[in-house]
Amino acid sequence: MPIATPEVYADMLDRAKAGSFAYPAINVSSSQTLNAALKGFADAGSDGIIQVSTGGAEYLSGPSIKNMVTGSLALALYAHEVAASYPVNIALHTDHCPKDKLDGFVRPLLAASTERVKDGGLPYFQSHMWDGTAVPLEENLQIAEELLALCQAAKVILEIEVGVVGGEEDGVAHEINEKLYSTPEDAIATAKALGIGQNGYYMTALTFGNVHGVYKPGNVKLRPEVLKAAQDAVHQEFDTPDEKPFRLVFHGGSGSLPEEISAAVDYGVVKMNIDTDTQYAFTRPVVGYMLTNYEGVLKVDGEVGNKKQYDPRAWGKEAEAAMSARVVEACEHLRAAGTNA
């Protein structure tokens, strides 16, 4: 199937919320990791979301170029070609974009998609994330309002974040403290600023103890009930027909317990970001391959090595297969496996 149209993507997210499942959103930084994610979604029989961060976008443009827009557009064009060969719908998304990178990342990509849509094409990306966690809530929501209008014109879905995700990702770092938990008042302020659908389609990343990266059990306490409290508050404040008015996003999901994931999905999570776990899944087999085939991948003691073993495709295939398997596992945990319509 081709990359999801705006209508297909909205239907994907709506079906997830109605059916109490969520899509893994897999960060990629190369054609290899993109292909691994695509195969994982296909193997799981699940539609999915593939995303690129600011750092990933820079990397994709080339180490001497470091242009986030160039890297993002290159990924999107490649993905539009290769994804068409898989029997699942895939949406492309840009991950965390702080205020100081909006003009060099999200806004130019939205402008490019708007022009493409005007010419009868699809947007390059199906959704973009604005990360306003480093600015006051009022400013966060003011910028979100502006971006939501731009997203409407580009037929793109906006993702915002209200609250703080601890840990570090691509240079954005937050302490682990009580700010990790969004409040019902935060949720109501969000709905007042952005509406409950009438001003455009958006997703909301409310925080409930999430942390980017790897952390040991006990360091952080996830409280999925924070999500329910937020949904209940908005439902009651605006008398919404849906008891779960927000389409929620789970950030910092790597290392979460199955019961925590299940509860979050029950409370309206439709998208869960996964990066750390898939990075490790991709890299671990490469390490094993190099250690096992030491004399083949290196020209030891004047020998010539084994070209078939140091060919990047040899170890690359093992890395991709392991990452694909981790994507399947994520689809199963999120109840998305087998839901492709």
Protein backbone atom coordinates (compact mmCIF):
# COMPACT_ATOMS: atom_id res chain seq x y z
CA MET A 1 0.00 0.00 0.00
CA PRO A 2 1.19 3.56 -0.54
CA ILE A 3 1.93 5.86 2.38
CA ALA A 4 -1.35 6.63 4.16
CA THR A 5 -3.47 9.46 2.83
CA PRO A 6 -4.67 12.05 5.36
CA GLU A 7 -8.06 10.32 5.43
CA VAL A 8 -6.54 6.87 5.94
CA TYR A 9 -4.28 8.13 8.72
CA ALA A 10 -7.15 9.77 10.59
CA ASP A 11 -9.13 6.55 10.23
CA MET A 12 -6.17 4.55 11.57
CA LEU A 13 -6.04 6.66 14.72
CA ASP A 14 -9.81 6.69 15.17
CA ARG A 15 -9.99 2.90 14.82
CA ALA A 16 -7.19 2.53 17.37
CA LYS A 17 -9.01 4.62 19.96
CA ALA A 18 -12.36 2.92 19.32
CA GLY A 19 -10.76 -0.53 19.39
CA SER A 20 -8.47 0.07 22.40
CA PHE A 21 -5.19 -0.54 20.64
CA ALA A 22 -2.28 1.69 19.67
CA TYR A 23 0.34 1.88 16.95
CA PRO A 24 4.05 1.72 17.67
CA ALA A 25 5.78 4.82 16.31
CA ILE A 26 9.26 3.66 15.38
CA ASN A 27 12.13 6.14 15.11
CA VAL A 28 14.41 5.55 12.14
CA SER A 29 17.63 7.17 10.99
CA SER A 30 18.54 5.23 7.84
CA SER A 31 17.11 3.23 4.97
CA GLN A 32 18.03 0.06 6.88
CA THR A 33 16.06 0.95 9.99
CA LEU A 34 13.17 2.17 7.84
CA ASN A 35 13.06 -1.14 5.98
CA ALA A 36 13.27 -3.05 9.25
CA ALA A 37 10.29 -1.13 10.63
CA LEU A 38 8.26 -1.68 7.46
CA LYS A 39 8.87 -5.43 7.56
CA GLY A 40 8.02 -5.54 11.26
CA PHE A 41 4.64 -3.89 10.71
CA ALA A 42 3.90 -6.19 7.77
CA ASP A 43 4.90 -9.30 9.76
CA ALA A 44 2.60 -8.18 12.59
CA GLY A 45 -0.32 -7.47 10.26
CA SER A 46 -0.49 -3.96 11.66
CA ASP A 47 -0.57 -0.50 10.19
CA GLY A 48 2.08 1.69 11.73
CA ILE A 49 3.87 5.00 12.19
CA ILE A 50 7.48 5.65 11.26
CA GLN A 51 9.10 8.80 12.56
CA VAL A 52 12.28 10.81 12.42
CA SER A 53 13.72 13.08 15.10
CA THR A 54 15.66 16.29 14.54
CA GLY A 55 18.92 14.40 15.08
CA GLY A 56 17.80 11.56 12.84
CA ALA A 57 16.85 14.03 10.12
CA GLU A 58 20.27 15.70 10.31
CA TYR A 59 21.98 12.32 10.09
CA LEU A 60 19.90 11.33 7.06
CA SER A 61 21.07 14.42 5.16
CA GLY A 62 24.71 13.36 5.50
CA PRO A 63 27.25 13.94 8.29
CA SER A 64 28.77 16.97 6.56
CA ILE A 65 25.42 18.52 5.60
CA LYS A 66 23.31 18.24 8.77
CA ASN A 67 20.19 19.73 7.23
CA MET A 68 17.01 18.51 8.94
CA VAL A 69 14.70 19.43 6.07
CA THR A 70 16.90 17.78 3.43
CA GLY A 71 17.18 14.61 5.48
CA SER A 72 13.45 14.51 6.22
CA LEU A 73 12.39 15.00 2.61
CA ALA A 74 14.89 12.37 1.44
CA LEU A 75 13.47 9.88 3.95
CA ALA A 76 9.90 10.70 2.94
CA LEU A 77 10.55 10.26 -0.77
CA TYR A 78 12.35 6.96 -0.18
CA ALA A 79 9.60 5.75 2.14
CA HIS A 80 6.86 6.63 -0.35
CA GLU A 81 8.59 4.33 -2.87
CA VAL A 82 9.46 1.32 -0.72
CA ALA A 83 6.36 1.32 1.51
CA ALA A 84 4.14 0.77 -1.53
CA SER A 85 5.36 -2.85 -1.67
CA TYR A 86 4.03 -3.71 1.80
CA PRO A 87 0.41 -4.72 2.60
CA VAL A 88 -0.05 -2.26 5.48
CA ASN A 89 -0.68 1.46 5.84
CA ILE A 90 2.25 3.54 7.05
CA ALA A 91 2.15 7.14 8.28
CA LEU A 92 5.28 9.29 8.42
CA HIS A 93 5.81 11.57 11.41
CA THR A 94 8.43 14.01 12.67
CA ASP A 95 9.28 13.60 16.35
CA HIS A 96 10.12 16.14 19.11
CA CYS A 97 10.71 19.62 17.71
CA PRO A 98 11.51 22.30 20.32
CA LYS A 99 10.86 26.01 19.79
CA ASP A 100 14.36 26.86 18.56
CA LYS A 101 14.13 24.30 15.73
CA LEU A 102 10.63 25.03 14.44
CA ASP A 103 11.90 27.39 11.73
CA GLY A 104 14.50 24.89 10.57
CA PHE A 105 12.37 21.76 10.73
CA VAL A 106 8.59 21.70 11.10
CA ARG A 107 7.61 25.00 9.47
CA PRO A 108 9.60 24.38 6.23
CA LEU A 109 8.26 20.84 6.02
CA LEU A 110 4.70 22.09 6.46
CA ALA A 111 5.28 24.68 3.74
CA ALA A 112 6.60 21.99 1.39
CA SER A 113 3.61 19.74 2.10
CA THR A 114 1.17 22.62 1.60
CA GLU A 115 2.59 23.26 -1.87
CA ARG A 116 2.48 19.57 -2.69
CA VAL A 117 -1.16 19.32 -1.57
CA LYS A 118 -2.07 22.38 -3.66
CA ASP A 119 -0.68 20.53 -6.68
CA GLY A 120 -2.88 17.52 -5.92
CA GLY A 121 -0.32 15.41 -4.10
CA LEU A 122 0.02 14.01 -0.59
CA PRO A 123 1.82 15.77 2.23
CA TYR A 124 5.38 14.55 2.70
CA PHE A 125 4.65 13.71 6.33
CA GLN A 126 1.29 12.82 7.81
CA SER A 127 1.93 14.37 11.21
CA HIS A 128 4.39 16.64 12.99
CA MET A 129 5.16 17.05 16.66
CA TRP A 130 5.58 20.38 18.41
CA ASP A 131 7.45 19.91 21.69
CA GLY A 132 6.58 22.91 23.84
CA THR A 133 7.58 21.38 27.15
CA ALA A 134 10.44 23.84 27.65
CA VAL A 135 8.17 26.90 27.49
CA PRO A 136 5.26 27.98 29.72
CA LEU A 137 1.95 26.25 29.01
CA GLU A 138 0.33 29.42 27.68
CA GLU A 139 3.09 29.92 25.11
CA ASN A 140 3.09 26.21 24.31
CA LEU A 141 -0.60 26.36 23.41
CA GLN A 142 -0.32 29.65 21.51
CA ILE A 143 2.30 28.14 19.22
CA ALA A 144 0.20 24.97 18.97
CA GLU A 145 -2.78 27.03 17.74
CA GLU A 146 -0.66 28.60 15.01
CA LEU A 147 0.76 25.23 13.95
CA LEU A 148 -2.66 23.58 13.98
CA ALA A 149 -3.89 26.10 11.40
CA LEU A 150 -0.82 25.44 9.22
CA CYS A 151 -1.35 21.69 9.58
CA GLN A 152 -4.96 22.08 8.43
CA ALA A 153 -3.79 23.71 5.22
CA ALA A 154 -1.26 20.93 4.62
CA LYS A 155 -3.72 18.13 5.53
CA VAL A 156 -1.37 17.11 8.31
CA ILE A 157 -2.13 16.05 11.89
CA LEU A 158 -0.45 17.96 14.71
CA GLU A 159 0.95 16.31 17.82
CA ILE A 160 1.58 18.42 20.90
CA GLU A 161 3.01 17.66 24.31
CA VAL A 162 1.62 18.97 27.59
CA GLY A 163 3.79 18.18 30.57
CA VAL A 164 7.40 17.02 30.62
CA VAL A 165 9.03 13.76 29.58
CA GLY A 166 12.12 13.09 31.70
CA GLY A 167 15.49 11.95 30.47
CA GLU A 168 17.17 13.11 27.24
CA GLU A 169 16.50 12.77 23.53
CA ASP A 170 18.43 14.60 20.80
CA GLY A 171 19.67 17.23 23.21
CA VAL A 172 16.31 17.94 24.88
CA ALA A 173 16.66 17.01 28.56
CA HIS A 174 14.35 17.24 31.57
CA GLU A 175 14.76 16.31 35.21
CA ILE A 176 12.80 13.48 36.79
CA ASN A 177 10.36 15.18 39.18
CA GLU A 178 6.66 15.97 39.70
CA LYS A 179 6.57 17.97 36.46
CA LEU A 180 6.45 14.59 34.71
CA TYR A 181 2.74 14.34 35.51
CA SER A 182 0.18 16.36 33.53
CA THR A 183 -2.80 17.67 35.47
CA PRO A 184 -6.52 17.76 34.60
CA GLU A 185 -6.17 21.55 34.45
CA ASP A 186 -3.46 21.15 31.77
CA ALA A 187 -5.82 18.99 29.76
CA ILE A 188 -8.72 21.46 30.03
CA ALA A 189 -6.44 24.35 28.99
CA THR A 190 -5.37 22.33 25.95
CA ALA A 191 -8.96 21.65 24.89
CA LYS A 192 -9.89 25.32 25.36
CA ALA A 193 -6.99 26.45 23.17
CA LEU A 194 -7.14 23.84 20.41
CA GLY A 195 -10.75 22.69 20.58
CA ILE A 196 -12.01 19.14 20.67
CA GLY A 197 -11.90 18.55 16.94
CA GLN A 198 -13.64 21.57 15.48
CA ASN A 199 -10.35 23.43 14.89
CA GLY A 200 -8.44 20.54 13.39
CA TYR A 201 -7.25 17.04 14.14
CA TYR A 202 -4.49 16.74 16.72
CA MET A 203 -2.92 14.25 19.11
CA THR A 204 -1.93 15.05 22.67
CA ALA A 205 1.06 13.67 24.54
CA LEU A 206 0.09 14.04 28.19
CA THR A 207 2.81 12.90 30.56
CA PHE A 208 2.36 10.38 33.34
CA GLY A 209 5.93 9.74 34.48
CA ASN A 210 7.42 9.02 31.06
CA VAL A 211 11.19 9.07 30.62
CA HIS A 212 13.24 8.94 27.44
CA GLY A 213 16.05 6.42 27.24
CA VAL A 214 16.84 3.51 29.53
CA TYR A 215 15.98 3.46 33.21
CA LYS A 216 15.86 0.78 35.88
CA PRO A 217 12.57 -0.24 37.48
CA GLY A 218 11.79 1.92 40.51
CA ASN A 219 13.56 5.05 39.26
CA VAL A 220 10.35 6.43 37.80
CA LYS A 221 6.75 5.63 38.60
CA LEU A 222 4.39 5.60 35.65
CA ARG A 223 0.86 6.60 36.60
CA PRO A 224 -1.49 5.75 33.71
CA GLU A 225 -4.41 6.90 35.86
CA VAL A 226 -3.23 10.47 35.12
CA LEU A 227 -4.46 9.91 31.57
CA LYS A 228 -7.89 8.82 32.73
CA ALA A 229 -8.18 11.84 34.99
CA ALA A 230 -7.34 14.13 32.07
CA GLN A 231 -9.85 12.45 29.74
CA ASP A 232 -12.55 12.59 32.43
CA ALA A 233 -11.89 16.29 33.11
CA VAL A 234 -12.23 17.29 29.45
CA HIS A 235 -15.27 15.07 28.93
CA GLN A 236 -17.03 16.67 31.89
CA GLU A 237 -15.93 20.23 31.12
CA PHE A 238 -17.07 20.14 27.50
CA ASP A 239 -19.77 17.46 27.68
CA THR A 240 -18.13 15.56 24.82
CA PRO A 241 -19.97 12.63 23.23
CA ASP A 242 -16.80 10.55 23.62
CA GLU A 243 -15.66 9.74 27.16
CA LYS A 244 -12.08 9.75 25.80
CA PRO A 245 -11.97 13.01 23.81
CA PHE A 246 -8.18 13.08 23.40
CA ARG A 247 -6.17 10.85 21.08
CA LEU A 248 -3.21 10.35 23.37
CA VAL A 249 0.46 9.64 22.70
CA PHE A 250 2.78 7.68 25.00
CA HIS A 251 6.33 9.05 24.93
CA GLY A 252 9.33 7.41 26.56
CA GLY A 253 7.77 3.98 26.17
CA SER A 254 10.92 1.87 25.99
CA GLY A 255 11.24 -0.42 29.01
CA SER A 256 7.62 0.00 30.15
CA LEU A 257 5.83 -2.92 31.77
CA PRO A 258 3.08 -4.67 29.77
CA GLU A 259 0.43 -3.77 32.35
CA GLU A 260 1.43 -0.09 32.19
CA ILE A 261 1.17 -0.12 28.42
CA SER A 262 -2.20 -1.87 28.57
CA ALA A 263 -3.63 0.66 31.02
CA ALA A 264 -2.41 3.60 28.94
CA VAL A 265 -4.04 2.17 25.82
CA ASP A 266 -7.30 1.64 27.72
CA TYR A 267 -7.27 5.35 28.60
CA GLY A 268 -6.96 6.52 24.99
CA VAL A 269 -3.34 6.14 23.86
CA VAL A 270 -3.28 5.54 20.09
CA LYS A 271 0.45 6.05 19.44
CA MET A 272 3.44 4.91 21.47
CA ASN A 273 6.95 6.09 20.61
CA ILE A 274 9.65 3.43 20.57
CA ASP A 275 13.29 4.27 19.90
CA THR A 276 15.69 2.99 22.56
CA ASP A 277 14.50 -0.62 22.35
CA THR A 278 14.67 -0.77 18.57
CA GLN A 279 18.09 0.88 18.53
CA TYR A 280 19.39 -1.88 20.78
CA ALA A 281 17.57 -4.57 18.80
CA PHE A 282 19.29 -3.35 15.64
CA THR A 283 22.78 -3.00 17.13
CA ARG A 284 23.01 -6.13 19.31
CA PRO A 285 23.18 -8.67 16.43
CA VAL A 286 25.87 -6.58 14.74
CA VAL A 287 28.04 -6.88 17.83
CA GLY A 288 27.49 -10.63 17.95
CA TYR A 289 28.22 -10.96 14.24
CA MET A 290 31.50 -9.04 14.49
CA LEU A 291 32.71 -11.05 17.49
CA THR A 292 31.76 -14.37 15.90
CA ASN A 293 33.29 -13.48 12.51
CA TYR A 294 36.28 -11.61 13.83
CA GLU A 295 38.84 -13.05 11.41
CA GLY A 296 36.50 -12.59 8.46
CA VAL A 297 35.57 -8.96 8.98
CA LEU A 298 39.15 -7.87 9.81
CA LYS A 299 42.32 -8.35 7.82
CA VAL A 300 44.19 -10.05 10.68
CA ASP A 301 47.92 -10.87 10.54
CA GLY A 302 48.26 -9.83 6.92
CA GLU A 303 45.36 -11.95 5.70
CA VAL A 304 42.66 -10.59 3.38
CA GLY A 305 39.57 -11.31 5.47
CA ASN A 306 36.33 -12.62 4.02
CA LYS A 307 34.55 -10.20 1.70
CA LYS A 308 31.25 -12.01 2.12
CA GLN A 309 31.46 -11.46 5.86
CA TYR A 310 32.48 -7.80 5.89
CA ASP A 311 29.97 -6.87 3.19
CA PRO A 312 27.63 -4.49 5.09
CA ARG A 313 24.65 -6.38 3.73
CA ALA A 314 25.70 -9.53 5.59
CA TRP A 315 25.53 -8.06 9.08
CA GLY A 316 22.90 -5.51 8.03
CA LYS A 317 20.38 -8.23 7.28
CA GLU A 318 20.78 -9.67 10.77
CA ALA A 319 20.35 -6.23 12.32
CA GLU A 320 17.22 -5.53 10.29
CA ALA A 321 15.69 -8.92 11.13
CA ALA A 322 16.18 -8.36 14.86
CA MET A 323 14.70 -4.87 14.72
CA SER A 324 11.73 -6.15 12.72
CA ALA A 325 11.09 -8.76 15.40
CA ARG A 326 11.11 -6.03 18.07
CA VAL A 327 8.55 -4.06 16.06
CA VAL A 328 6.31 -7.15 15.93
CA GLU A 329 6.64 -7.47 19.69
CA ALA A 330 5.64 -3.83 20.12
CA CYS A 331 2.57 -4.34 17.93
CA GLU A 332 1.58 -7.31 20.07
CA HIS A 333 2.02 -5.38 23.33
CA LEU A 334 -0.11 -2.53 21.97
CA ARG A 335 -2.79 -4.94 20.63
CA ALA A 336 -2.24 -3.62 17.09
CA ALA A 337 -1.10 -6.96 15.65
CA GLY A 338 -3.64 -8.28 13.15
CA THR A 339 -5.69 -5.06 13.08
CA ASN A 340 -4.75 -3.97 9.56
CA ALA A 341 -8.06 -3.31 7.76
